[in-house]
Amino acid sequence: MQPVVRATLIGTSAIALWGTLAPLTALTGGRIPPFQLLATSFTLAFALMLLRWRLQGHWGLAQARQPLAAWLLGVGGLFGYHACYFAAMQRAPAVEVSLIAYLWPLLIVLFAALLPGERLRLRHLVGAALALGGVWVLLGGKTGFAPAHLSGYLLALACAVIWSAYSVLSRLLPRVPSEAVGWFCAATALLAWMVHFAWEPTVWPDGVVGWFALLALGLGPVGVAFFTWDHGVKHGDIALLGVLSYAAPLISVLLLMILGLAEPSARLAAAALAIVGGSLVAGWARQSRVDGQSEEKSR
């Protein structure tokens, strides 16, 4: 198997894991304060990588020696995104938070088009309009916009902006190894614990389901997924990964419905189709550009 194909497949596993983020967060019971949830999840993520390093016979200290820019980007992206996400999940319905937050694949395409050597095309704008139309449908409905959930909606939108910026800017640091993400997780956990103990009460899950969901968060969408995604975007086909990422919100919404945490509706289906469809249009435009450049180089 070619290295690029292998790296792309590894990156794809992160997309499937991120589809479980909203359901697992909801299954924790919604009572755990956001920064405690953030701190616990990233502590587990760091423990996972630390176990890997110990099995290799070292403590991972070499991976900690990274440029300041890598630390700022890594910790800022991980801490910022998840702080906003967990807070949004406590202020708005899980399915709506999931769909708004998962605008990040679209924003990755748009932001990447603005990098040196790229340009924004009409299809990018059409895709953006479709996706934003989906958000409008999601937040509309028969009763109109719900002011009570406004803070949750804005936090979910912040998630999309933060993660897309983190993913695109990470392309500028290709020499930073994926295992360095373990230390970024450690720093994120430390910051979250500090904020939690300063401003939040400590609340643990009730029952086996809540504890299982908390453990699964730290080992799955907040653990393994970050390492596989980092490897994929740095060494795989990032354009293809961008397109495949649009499956994450559908996985998330489908799981929420299966678990009984969301009710099927025509409005929800229309919003999901518009968001994913718009993202695919924008992603196809970027993929077409990459294919065209490859053909020119082969001549």
C-alpha atoms as a PDB file:
ATOM      1  CA  MET A   1       0.000   0.000   0.000  1.00  0.00           C
ATOM      2  CA  GLN A   2       1.344   3.431  -0.946  1.00  0.00           C
ATOM      3  CA  PRO A   3       2.306   5.708   1.982  1.00  0.00           C
ATOM      4  CA  VAL A   4      -0.135   8.423   0.886  1.00  0.00           C
ATOM      5  CA  VAL A   5      -3.034   5.953   0.679  1.00  0.00           C
ATOM      6  CA  ARG A   6      -2.142   4.464   4.054  1.00  0.00           C
ATOM      7  CA  ALA A   7      -1.931   7.903   5.680  1.00  0.00           C
ATOM      8  CA  THR A   8      -5.279   8.877   4.147  1.00  0.00           C
ATOM      9  CA  LEU A   9      -6.931   5.744   5.538  1.00  0.00           C
ATOM     10  CA  ILE A  10      -5.452   6.475   8.959  1.00  0.00           C
ATOM     11  CA  GLY A  11      -6.819  10.017   8.802  1.00  0.00           C
ATOM     12  CA  THR A  12     -10.242   8.692   7.787  1.00  0.00           C
ATOM     13  CA  SER A  13     -10.514   6.775  11.065  1.00  0.00           C
ATOM     14  CA  ALA A  14     -10.549  10.126  12.883  1.00  0.00           C
ATOM     15  CA  ILE A  15     -13.640  11.183  10.951  1.00  0.00           C
ATOM     16  CA  ALA A  16     -15.563   8.108  12.100  1.00  0.00           C
ATOM     17  CA  LEU A  17     -14.489   8.701  15.708  1.00  0.00           C
ATOM     18  CA  TRP A  18     -15.517  12.371  15.600  1.00  0.00           C
ATOM     19  CA  GLY A  19     -18.976  11.260  14.549  1.00  0.00           C
ATOM     20  CA  THR A  20     -19.323   9.824  18.074  1.00  0.00           C
ATOM     21  CA  LEU A  21     -18.356  13.057  19.859  1.00  0.00           C
ATOM     22  CA  ALA A  22     -21.851  14.516  20.255  1.00  0.00           C
ATOM     23  CA  PRO A  23     -23.552  11.230  21.276  1.00  0.00           C
ATOM     24  CA  LEU A  24     -20.857  10.392  23.839  1.00  0.00           C
ATOM     25  CA  THR A  25     -20.951  13.927  25.265  1.00  0.00           C
ATOM     26  CA  ALA A  26     -24.716  13.695  25.595  1.00  0.00           C
ATOM     27  CA  LEU A  27     -24.473  10.268  27.246  1.00  0.00           C
ATOM     28  CA  THR A  28     -22.293  11.671  30.033  1.00  0.00           C
ATOM     29  CA  GLY A  29     -25.519  13.124  31.349  1.00  0.00           C
ATOM     30  CA  GLY A  30     -25.030  16.822  30.625  1.00  0.00           C
ATOM     31  CA  ARG A  31     -24.165  17.497  34.278  1.00  0.00           C
ATOM     32  CA  ILE A  32     -20.366  17.502  34.121  1.00  0.00           C
ATOM     33  CA  PRO A  33     -19.044  21.098  33.914  1.00  0.00           C
ATOM     34  CA  PRO A  34     -17.467  21.806  30.491  1.00  0.00           C
ATOM     35  CA  PHE A  35     -13.898  22.379  31.683  1.00  0.00           C
ATOM     36  CA  GLN A  36     -13.991  19.296  33.907  1.00  0.00           C
ATOM     37  CA  LEU A  37     -15.144  17.278  30.893  1.00  0.00           C
ATOM     38  CA  LEU A  38     -12.395  18.855  28.809  1.00  0.00           C
ATOM     39  CA  ALA A  39      -9.723  18.181  31.449  1.00  0.00           C
ATOM     40  CA  THR A  40     -10.775  14.580  32.024  1.00  0.00           C
ATOM     41  CA  SER A  41     -10.929  13.749  28.317  1.00  0.00           C
ATOM     42  CA  PHE A  42      -7.498  15.161  27.532  1.00  0.00           C
ATOM     43  CA  THR A  43      -5.940  13.589  30.607  1.00  0.00           C
ATOM     44  CA  LEU A  44      -7.064  10.232  29.228  1.00  0.00           C
ATOM     45  CA  ALA A  45      -5.755  11.170  25.762  1.00  0.00           C
ATOM     46  CA  PHE A  46      -2.317  12.007  27.192  1.00  0.00           C
ATOM     47  CA  ALA A  47      -2.313   8.810  29.259  1.00  0.00           C
ATOM     48  CA  LEU A  48      -2.962   6.857  26.066  1.00  0.00           C
ATOM     49  CA  MET A  49       0.068   8.365  24.332  1.00  0.00           C
ATOM     50  CA  LEU A  50       2.201   8.037  27.481  1.00  0.00           C
ATOM     51  CA  LEU A  51       1.421   4.319  27.532  1.00  0.00           C
ATOM     52  CA  ARG A  52       2.575   4.085  23.926  1.00  0.00           C
ATOM     53  CA  TRP A  53       5.846   5.856  24.754  1.00  0.00           C
ATOM     54  CA  ARG A  54       6.509   3.597  27.726  1.00  0.00           C
ATOM     55  CA  LEU A  55       5.914   0.519  25.584  1.00  0.00           C
ATOM     56  CA  GLN A  56       8.549   1.941  23.234  1.00  0.00           C
ATOM     57  CA  GLY A  57      10.933   2.335  26.172  1.00  0.00           C
ATOM     58  CA  HIS A  58      10.982   6.134  26.597  1.00  0.00           C
ATOM     59  CA  TRP A  59       8.993   9.038  28.055  1.00  0.00           C
ATOM     60  CA  GLY A  60       8.384  10.980  24.818  1.00  0.00           C
ATOM     61  CA  LEU A  61      10.607  13.885  25.850  1.00  0.00           C
ATOM     62  CA  ALA A  62      11.986  14.267  22.326  1.00  0.00           C
ATOM     63  CA  GLN A  63       8.459  14.904  21.022  1.00  0.00           C
ATOM     64  CA  ALA A  64       8.065  17.763  23.510  1.00  0.00           C
ATOM     65  CA  ARG A  65      10.877  19.755  21.899  1.00  0.00           C
ATOM     66  CA  GLN A  66       8.799  21.626  19.319  1.00  0.00           C
ATOM     67  CA  PRO A  67       8.794  25.262  18.081  1.00  0.00           C
ATOM     68  CA  LEU A  68       6.735  27.783  20.044  1.00  0.00           C
ATOM     69  CA  ALA A  69       4.417  28.194  17.055  1.00  0.00           C
ATOM     70  CA  ALA A  70       3.596  24.476  17.168  1.00  0.00           C
ATOM     71  CA  TRP A  71       2.764  24.667  20.879  1.00  0.00           C
ATOM     72  CA  LEU A  72       0.573  27.740  20.465  1.00  0.00           C
ATOM     73  CA  LEU A  73      -1.277  26.246  17.517  1.00  0.00           C
ATOM     74  CA  GLY A  74      -1.640  22.802  19.053  1.00  0.00           C
ATOM     75  CA  VAL A  75      -2.786  23.840  22.507  1.00  0.00           C
ATOM     76  CA  GLY A  76      -4.853  26.753  21.206  1.00  0.00           C
ATOM     77  CA  GLY A  77      -6.661  24.558  18.700  1.00  0.00           C
ATOM     78  CA  LEU A  78      -7.330  21.647  21.046  1.00  0.00           C
ATOM     79  CA  PHE A  79      -8.221  23.705  24.108  1.00  0.00           C
ATOM     80  CA  GLY A  80     -10.212  26.350  22.239  1.00  0.00           C
ATOM     81  CA  TYR A  81     -12.289  23.954  20.165  1.00  0.00           C
ATOM     82  CA  HIS A  82     -13.261  21.602  22.958  1.00  0.00           C
ATOM     83  CA  ALA A  83     -13.881  24.301  25.543  1.00  0.00           C
ATOM     84  CA  CYS A  84     -16.372  25.875  23.136  1.00  0.00           C
ATOM     85  CA  TYR A  85     -17.840  22.505  22.143  1.00  0.00           C
ATOM     86  CA  PHE A  86     -18.537  21.145  25.598  1.00  0.00           C
ATOM     87  CA  ALA A  87     -19.941  24.518  26.675  1.00  0.00           C
ATOM     88  CA  ALA A  88     -22.182  24.620  23.585  1.00  0.00           C
ATOM     89  CA  MET A  89     -23.507  21.128  24.329  1.00  0.00           C
ATOM     90  CA  GLN A  90     -24.811  22.416  27.674  1.00  0.00           C
ATOM     91  CA  ARG A  91     -26.479  25.468  26.154  1.00  0.00           C
ATOM     92  CA  ALA A  92     -28.204  24.096  23.038  1.00  0.00           C
ATOM     93  CA  PRO A  93     -29.643  20.785  21.747  1.00  0.00           C
ATOM     94  CA  ALA A  94     -26.937  18.248  20.888  1.00  0.00           C
ATOM     95  CA  VAL A  95     -28.039  17.717  17.292  1.00  0.00           C
ATOM     96  CA  GLU A  96     -28.005  21.441  16.495  1.00  0.00           C
ATOM     97  CA  VAL A  97     -24.623  21.942  18.121  1.00  0.00           C
ATOM     98  CA  SER A  98     -23.297  18.993  16.134  1.00  0.00           C
ATOM     99  CA  LEU A  99     -24.467  20.303  12.765  1.00  0.00           C
ATOM    100  CA  ILE A 100     -23.215  23.857  13.341  1.00  0.00           C
ATOM    101  CA  ALA A 101     -19.849  22.729  14.725  1.00  0.00           C
ATOM    102  CA  TYR A 102     -19.393  20.435  11.727  1.00  0.00           C
ATOM    103  CA  LEU A 103     -19.208  23.399   9.390  1.00  0.00           C
ATOM    104  CA  TRP A 104     -15.446  23.048   9.924  1.00  0.00           C
ATOM    105  CA  PRO A 105     -14.911  20.832   6.824  1.00  0.00           C
ATOM    106  CA  LEU A 106     -16.432  23.563   4.679  1.00  0.00           C
ATOM    107  CA  LEU A 107     -14.313  26.227   6.366  1.00  0.00           C
ATOM    108  CA  ILE A 108     -11.194  24.117   5.843  1.00  0.00           C
ATOM    109  CA  VAL A 109     -11.881  24.172   2.109  1.00  0.00           C
ATOM    110  CA  LEU A 110     -12.528  27.921   2.125  1.00  0.00           C
ATOM    111  CA  PHE A 111      -9.480  28.769   4.258  1.00  0.00           C
ATOM    112  CA  ALA A 112      -7.211  26.465   2.252  1.00  0.00           C
ATOM    113  CA  ALA A 113      -8.311  28.232  -0.942  1.00  0.00           C
ATOM    114  CA  LEU A 114      -6.878  31.460   0.492  1.00  0.00           C
ATOM    115  CA  LEU A 115      -3.413  30.020   1.099  1.00  0.00           C
ATOM    116  CA  PRO A 116      -0.513  31.066  -1.190  1.00  0.00           C
ATOM    117  CA  GLY A 117      -0.934  29.506  -4.608  1.00  0.00           C
ATOM    118  CA  GLU A 118      -4.666  29.007  -4.153  1.00  0.00           C
ATOM    119  CA  ARG A 119      -7.678  31.158  -5.004  1.00  0.00           C
ATOM    120  CA  LEU A 120     -11.331  31.297  -4.034  1.00  0.00           C
ATOM    121  CA  ARG A 121     -13.584  29.997  -6.802  1.00  0.00           C
ATOM    122  CA  LEU A 122     -17.288  30.376  -7.533  1.00  0.00           C
ATOM    123  CA  ARG A 123     -17.979  26.828  -6.393  1.00  0.00           C
ATOM    124  CA  HIS A 124     -16.467  27.684  -3.004  1.00  0.00           C
ATOM    125  CA  LEU A 125     -18.979  30.523  -2.607  1.00  0.00           C
ATOM    126  CA  VAL A 126     -21.886  28.360  -3.804  1.00  0.00           C
ATOM    127  CA  GLY A 127     -20.925  25.647  -1.323  1.00  0.00           C
ATOM    128  CA  ALA A 128     -20.669  28.176   1.488  1.00  0.00           C
ATOM    129  CA  ALA A 129     -24.096  29.580   0.649  1.00  0.00           C
ATOM    130  CA  LEU A 130     -25.671  26.099   0.655  1.00  0.00           C
ATOM    131  CA  ALA A 131     -24.121  25.169   3.991  1.00  0.00           C
ATOM    132  CA  LEU A 132     -25.093  28.438   5.637  1.00  0.00           C
ATOM    133  CA  GLY A 133     -28.583  27.965   4.242  1.00  0.00           C
ATOM    134  CA  GLY A 134     -28.648  24.631   6.024  1.00  0.00           C
ATOM    135  CA  VAL A 135     -27.773  26.329   9.293  1.00  0.00           C
ATOM    136  CA  TRP A 136     -30.584  28.845   8.685  1.00  0.00           C
ATOM    137  CA  VAL A 137     -33.052  25.981   8.161  1.00  0.00           C
ATOM    138  CA  LEU A 138     -31.725  24.254  11.280  1.00  0.00           C
ATOM    139  CA  LEU A 139     -32.182  27.342  13.448  1.00  0.00           C
ATOM    140  CA  GLY A 140     -35.497  28.302  11.840  1.00  0.00           C
ATOM    141  CA  GLY A 141     -38.470  25.997  11.823  1.00  0.00           C
ATOM    142  CA  LYS A 142     -42.053  26.813  12.713  1.00  0.00           C
ATOM    143  CA  THR A 143     -41.236  28.860  15.794  1.00  0.00           C
ATOM    144  CA  GLY A 144     -38.296  30.756  14.315  1.00  0.00           C
ATOM    145  CA  PHE A 145     -34.922  31.376  15.946  1.00  0.00           C
ATOM    146  CA  ALA A 146     -34.660  30.224  19.569  1.00  0.00           C
ATOM    147  CA  PRO A 147     -33.080  33.057  21.607  1.00  0.00           C
ATOM    148  CA  ALA A 148     -32.621  30.782  24.604  1.00  0.00           C
ATOM    149  CA  HIS A 149     -30.040  28.751  22.671  1.00  0.00           C
ATOM    150  CA  LEU A 150     -28.173  31.676  21.104  1.00  0.00           C
ATOM    151  CA  SER A 151     -25.049  31.282  23.269  1.00  0.00           C
ATOM    152  CA  GLY A 152     -24.870  27.587  22.380  1.00  0.00           C
ATOM    153  CA  TYR A 153     -25.197  28.337  18.664  1.00  0.00           C
ATOM    154  CA  LEU A 154     -22.419  30.937  18.795  1.00  0.00           C
ATOM    155  CA  LEU A 155     -20.122  28.602  20.722  1.00  0.00           C
ATOM    156  CA  ALA A 156     -20.752  25.859  18.156  1.00  0.00           C
ATOM    157  CA  LEU A 157     -19.883  28.289  15.353  1.00  0.00           C
ATOM    158  CA  ALA A 158     -16.678  29.195  17.209  1.00  0.00           C
ATOM    159  CA  CYS A 159     -15.840  25.482  17.228  1.00  0.00           C
ATOM    160  CA  ALA A 160     -16.033  25.359  13.444  1.00  0.00           C
ATOM    161  CA  VAL A 161     -13.789  28.407  13.010  1.00  0.00           C
ATOM    162  CA  ILE A 162     -11.178  27.264  15.549  1.00  0.00           C
ATOM    163  CA  TRP A 163     -10.836  23.696  14.256  1.00  0.00           C
ATOM    164  CA  SER A 164     -10.702  24.682  10.580  1.00  0.00           C
ATOM    165  CA  ALA A 165      -8.012  27.270  11.311  1.00  0.00           C
ATOM    166  CA  TYR A 166      -6.053  24.724  13.358  1.00  0.00           C
ATOM    167  CA  SER A 167      -6.221  22.114  10.587  1.00  0.00           C
ATOM    168  CA  VAL A 168      -5.189  24.482   7.788  1.00  0.00           C
ATOM    169  CA  LEU A 169      -2.380  26.149   9.742  1.00  0.00           C
ATOM    170  CA  SER A 170      -0.988  22.747  10.768  1.00  0.00           C
ATOM    171  CA  ARG A 171      -0.037  22.284   7.107  1.00  0.00           C
ATOM    172  CA  LEU A 172       2.578  24.984   7.681  1.00  0.00           C
ATOM    173  CA  LEU A 173       4.289  22.774  10.294  1.00  0.00           C
ATOM    174  CA  PRO A 174       4.811  19.465   8.446  1.00  0.00           C
ATOM    175  CA  ARG A 175       7.958  18.570  10.408  1.00  0.00           C
ATOM    176  CA  VAL A 176       6.160  18.462  13.748  1.00  0.00           C
ATOM    177  CA  PRO A 177       5.589  14.726  14.470  1.00  0.00           C
ATOM    178  CA  SER A 178       2.072  13.502  15.190  1.00  0.00           C
ATOM    179  CA  GLU A 179       3.202  12.115  18.565  1.00  0.00           C
ATOM    180  CA  ALA A 180       3.841  15.708  19.692  1.00  0.00           C
ATOM    181  CA  VAL A 181       0.049  16.000  19.898  1.00  0.00           C
ATOM    182  CA  GLY A 182       0.364  13.930  23.087  1.00  0.00           C
ATOM    183  CA  TRP A 183       2.114  16.823  24.811  1.00  0.00           C
ATOM    184  CA  PHE A 184      -0.413  19.295  23.405  1.00  0.00           C
ATOM    185  CA  CYS A 185      -3.096  17.124  25.020  1.00  0.00           C
ATOM    186  CA  ALA A 186      -1.198  17.254  28.326  1.00  0.00           C
ATOM    187  CA  ALA A 187      -0.988  21.051  28.221  1.00  0.00           C
ATOM    188  CA  THR A 188      -4.659  21.296  27.273  1.00  0.00           C
ATOM    189  CA  ALA A 189      -5.611  19.042  30.195  1.00  0.00           C
ATOM    190  CA  LEU A 190      -3.513  21.124  32.615  1.00  0.00           C
ATOM    191  CA  LEU A 191      -5.145  24.379  31.503  1.00  0.00           C
ATOM    192  CA  ALA A 192      -8.597  22.843  31.737  1.00  0.00           C
ATOM    193  CA  TRP A 193      -7.983  21.494  35.260  1.00  0.00           C
ATOM    194  CA  MET A 194      -6.793  24.931  36.384  1.00  0.00           C
ATOM    195  CA  VAL A 195      -9.911  26.638  35.020  1.00  0.00           C
ATOM    196  CA  HIS A 196     -12.151  23.914  36.422  1.00  0.00           C
ATOM    197  CA  PHE A 197     -10.822  24.086  39.974  1.00  0.00           C
ATOM    198  CA  ALA A 198     -10.958  27.883  39.890  1.00  0.00           C
ATOM    199  CA  TRP A 199     -14.529  28.338  38.599  1.00  0.00           C
ATOM    200  CA  GLU A 200     -16.471  25.077  38.508  1.00  0.00           C
ATOM    201  CA  PRO A 201     -17.859  22.511  40.969  1.00  0.00           C
ATOM    202  CA  THR A 202     -16.710  18.924  40.467  1.00  0.00           C
ATOM    203  CA  VAL A 203     -19.475  16.624  39.222  1.00  0.00           C
ATOM    204  CA  TRP A 204     -18.970  13.015  38.131  1.00  0.00           C
ATOM    205  CA  PRO A 205     -21.295  10.904  35.945  1.00  0.00           C
ATOM    206  CA  ASP A 206     -24.153   8.897  37.378  1.00  0.00           C
ATOM    207  CA  GLY A 207     -24.268   5.232  36.455  1.00  0.00           C
ATOM    208  CA  VAL A 208     -22.269   2.916  34.241  1.00  0.00           C
ATOM    209  CA  VAL A 209     -23.373   4.553  30.978  1.00  0.00           C
ATOM    210  CA  GLY A 210     -22.085   7.965  32.028  1.00  0.00           C
ATOM    211  CA  TRP A 211     -18.691   6.598  33.097  1.00  0.00           C
ATOM    212  CA  PHE A 212     -18.391   4.542  29.918  1.00  0.00           C
ATOM    213  CA  ALA A 213     -19.163   7.610  27.786  1.00  0.00           C
ATOM    214  CA  LEU A 214     -16.558   9.682  29.653  1.00  0.00           C
ATOM    215  CA  LEU A 215     -13.901   6.993  29.188  1.00  0.00           C
ATOM    216  CA  ALA A 216     -14.808   6.541  25.520  1.00  0.00           C
ATOM    217  CA  LEU A 217     -14.510  10.304  24.932  1.00  0.00           C
ATOM    218  CA  GLY A 218     -10.938  10.381  26.200  1.00  0.00           C
ATOM    219  CA  LEU A 219      -9.842   7.298  24.284  1.00  0.00           C
ATOM    220  CA  GLY A 220     -11.759   7.853  21.025  1.00  0.00           C
ATOM    221  CA  PRO A 221     -12.794  11.255  19.598  1.00  0.00           C
ATOM    222  CA  VAL A 222     -10.566  13.132  22.066  1.00  0.00           C
ATOM    223  CA  GLY A 223      -7.774  10.558  22.035  1.00  0.00           C
ATOM    224  CA  VAL A 224      -6.846   8.378  19.084  1.00  0.00           C
ATOM    225  CA  ALA A 225      -8.631  10.656  16.605  1.00  0.00           C
ATOM    226  CA  PHE A 226      -6.226  13.581  17.066  1.00  0.00           C
ATOM    227  CA  PHE A 227      -3.157  11.495  16.363  1.00  0.00           C
ATOM    228  CA  THR A 228      -4.630   9.790  13.296  1.00  0.00           C
ATOM    229  CA  TRP A 229      -5.968  13.094  11.926  1.00  0.00           C
ATOM    230  CA  ASP A 230      -2.626  14.842  12.359  1.00  0.00           C
ATOM    231  CA  HIS A 231      -0.876  12.003  10.523  1.00  0.00           C
ATOM    232  CA  GLY A 232      -3.474  12.027   7.773  1.00  0.00           C
ATOM    233  CA  VAL A 233      -3.442  15.754   6.998  1.00  0.00           C
ATOM    234  CA  LYS A 234       0.354  15.909   7.030  1.00  0.00           C
ATOM    235  CA  HIS A 235       1.135  12.803   4.972  1.00  0.00           C
ATOM    236  CA  GLY A 236      -2.097  11.817   3.202  1.00  0.00           C
ATOM    237  CA  ASP A 237      -4.445  13.306   0.596  1.00  0.00           C
ATOM    238  CA  ILE A 238      -5.763  16.325   2.499  1.00  0.00           C
ATOM    239  CA  ALA A 239      -8.246  17.248  -0.232  1.00  0.00           C
ATOM    240  CA  LEU A 240      -9.814  13.806  -0.108  1.00  0.00           C
ATOM    241  CA  LEU A 241      -9.826  13.872   3.689  1.00  0.00           C
ATOM    242  CA  GLY A 242     -11.602  17.208   3.545  1.00  0.00           C
ATOM    243  CA  VAL A 243     -14.357  15.740   1.384  1.00  0.00           C
ATOM    244  CA  LEU A 244     -14.672  12.607   3.529  1.00  0.00           C
ATOM    245  CA  SER A 245     -14.967  14.773   6.659  1.00  0.00           C
ATOM    246  CA  TYR A 246     -18.443  15.816   5.598  1.00  0.00           C
ATOM    247  CA  ALA A 247     -19.677  12.372   6.654  1.00  0.00           C
ATOM    248  CA  ALA A 248     -18.969  13.203  10.321  1.00  0.00           C
ATOM    249  CA  PRO A 249     -22.133  15.264  10.975  1.00  0.00           C
ATOM    250  CA  LEU A 250     -24.300  12.607   9.349  1.00  0.00           C
ATOM    251  CA  ILE A 251     -22.713   9.924  11.533  1.00  0.00           C
ATOM    252  CA  SER A 252     -23.256  12.133  14.563  1.00  0.00           C
ATOM    253  CA  VAL A 253     -26.917  12.880  13.845  1.00  0.00           C
ATOM    254  CA  LEU A 254     -27.650   9.243  12.945  1.00  0.00           C
ATOM    255  CA  LEU A 255     -26.163   8.021  16.239  1.00  0.00           C
ATOM    256  CA  LEU A 256     -28.098  10.648  18.193  1.00  0.00           C
ATOM    257  CA  MET A 257     -31.315   9.374  16.614  1.00  0.00           C
ATOM    258  CA  ILE A 258     -30.444   5.708  17.238  1.00  0.00           C
ATOM    259  CA  LEU A 259     -29.751   6.479  20.904  1.00  0.00           C
ATOM    260  CA  GLY A 260     -32.990   8.409  21.215  1.00  0.00           C
ATOM    261  CA  LEU A 261     -31.225  11.715  21.834  1.00  0.00           C
ATOM    262  CA  ALA A 262     -32.734  13.410  18.779  1.00  0.00           C
ATOM    263  CA  GLU A 263     -36.052  13.158  16.966  1.00  0.00           C
ATOM    264  CA  PRO A 264     -36.128  12.626  13.174  1.00  0.00           C
ATOM    265  CA  SER A 265     -37.724  15.516  11.293  1.00  0.00           C
ATOM    266  CA  ALA A 266     -37.945  16.907   7.780  1.00  0.00           C
ATOM    267  CA  ARG A 267     -36.307  20.157   8.952  1.00  0.00           C
ATOM    268  CA  LEU A 268     -33.352  18.282  10.417  1.00  0.00           C
ATOM    269  CA  ALA A 269     -32.946  16.189   7.258  1.00  0.00           C
ATOM    270  CA  ALA A 270     -33.059  19.299   5.042  1.00  0.00           C
ATOM    271  CA  ALA A 271     -30.477  21.080   7.203  1.00  0.00           C
ATOM    272  CA  ALA A 272     -28.124  18.086   7.180  1.00  0.00           C
ATOM    273  CA  LEU A 273     -28.408  17.652   3.402  1.00  0.00           C
ATOM    274  CA  ALA A 274     -27.787  21.357   2.778  1.00  0.00           C
ATOM    275  CA  ILE A 275     -24.744  21.528   5.056  1.00  0.00           C
ATOM    276  CA  VAL A 276     -23.187  18.343   3.710  1.00  0.00           C
ATOM    277  CA  GLY A 277     -24.166  19.151   0.118  1.00  0.00           C
ATOM    278  CA  GLY A 278     -22.668  22.618   0.286  1.00  0.00           C
ATOM    279  CA  SER A 279     -19.494  21.238   1.772  1.00  0.00           C
ATOM    280  CA  LEU A 280     -19.248  18.629  -0.987  1.00  0.00           C
ATOM    281  CA  VAL A 281     -19.635  21.302  -3.670  1.00  0.00           C
ATOM    282  CA  ALA A 282     -16.789  23.329  -2.134  1.00  0.00           C
ATOM    283  CA  GLY A 283     -14.694  20.224  -1.571  1.00  0.00           C
ATOM    284  CA  TRP A 284     -15.208  19.063  -5.151  1.00  0.00           C
ATOM    285  CA  ALA A 285     -13.969  22.425  -6.391  1.00  0.00           C
ATOM    286  CA  ARG A 286     -10.764  22.056  -4.401  1.00  0.00           C
ATOM    287  CA  GLN A 287     -10.315  18.406  -5.456  1.00  0.00           C
ATOM    288  CA  SER A 288     -10.749  19.416  -9.129  1.00  0.00           C
ATOM    289  CA  ARG A 289      -8.033  22.028  -8.736  1.00  0.00           C
ATOM    290  CA  VAL A 290      -5.641  19.492  -7.186  1.00  0.00           C
ATOM    291  CA  ASP A 291      -6.348  16.985  -9.971  1.00  0.00           C
ATOM    292  CA  GLY A 292      -5.776  19.655 -12.605  1.00  0.00           C
ATOM    293  CA  GLN A 293      -2.427  20.599 -11.105  1.00  0.00           C
ATOM    294  CA  SER A 294      -1.381  16.921 -11.047  1.00  0.00           C
ATOM    295  CA  GLU A 295      -2.236  16.547 -14.729  1.00  0.00           C
ATOM    296  CA  GLU A 296      -0.209  19.641 -15.639  1.00  0.00           C
ATOM    297  CA  LYS A 297       2.824  18.326 -13.762  1.00  0.00           C
ATOM    298  CA  SER A 298       2.600  14.963 -15.485  1.00  0.00           C
ATOM    299  CA  ARG A 299       2.766  16.519 -18.961  1.00  0.00           C
END
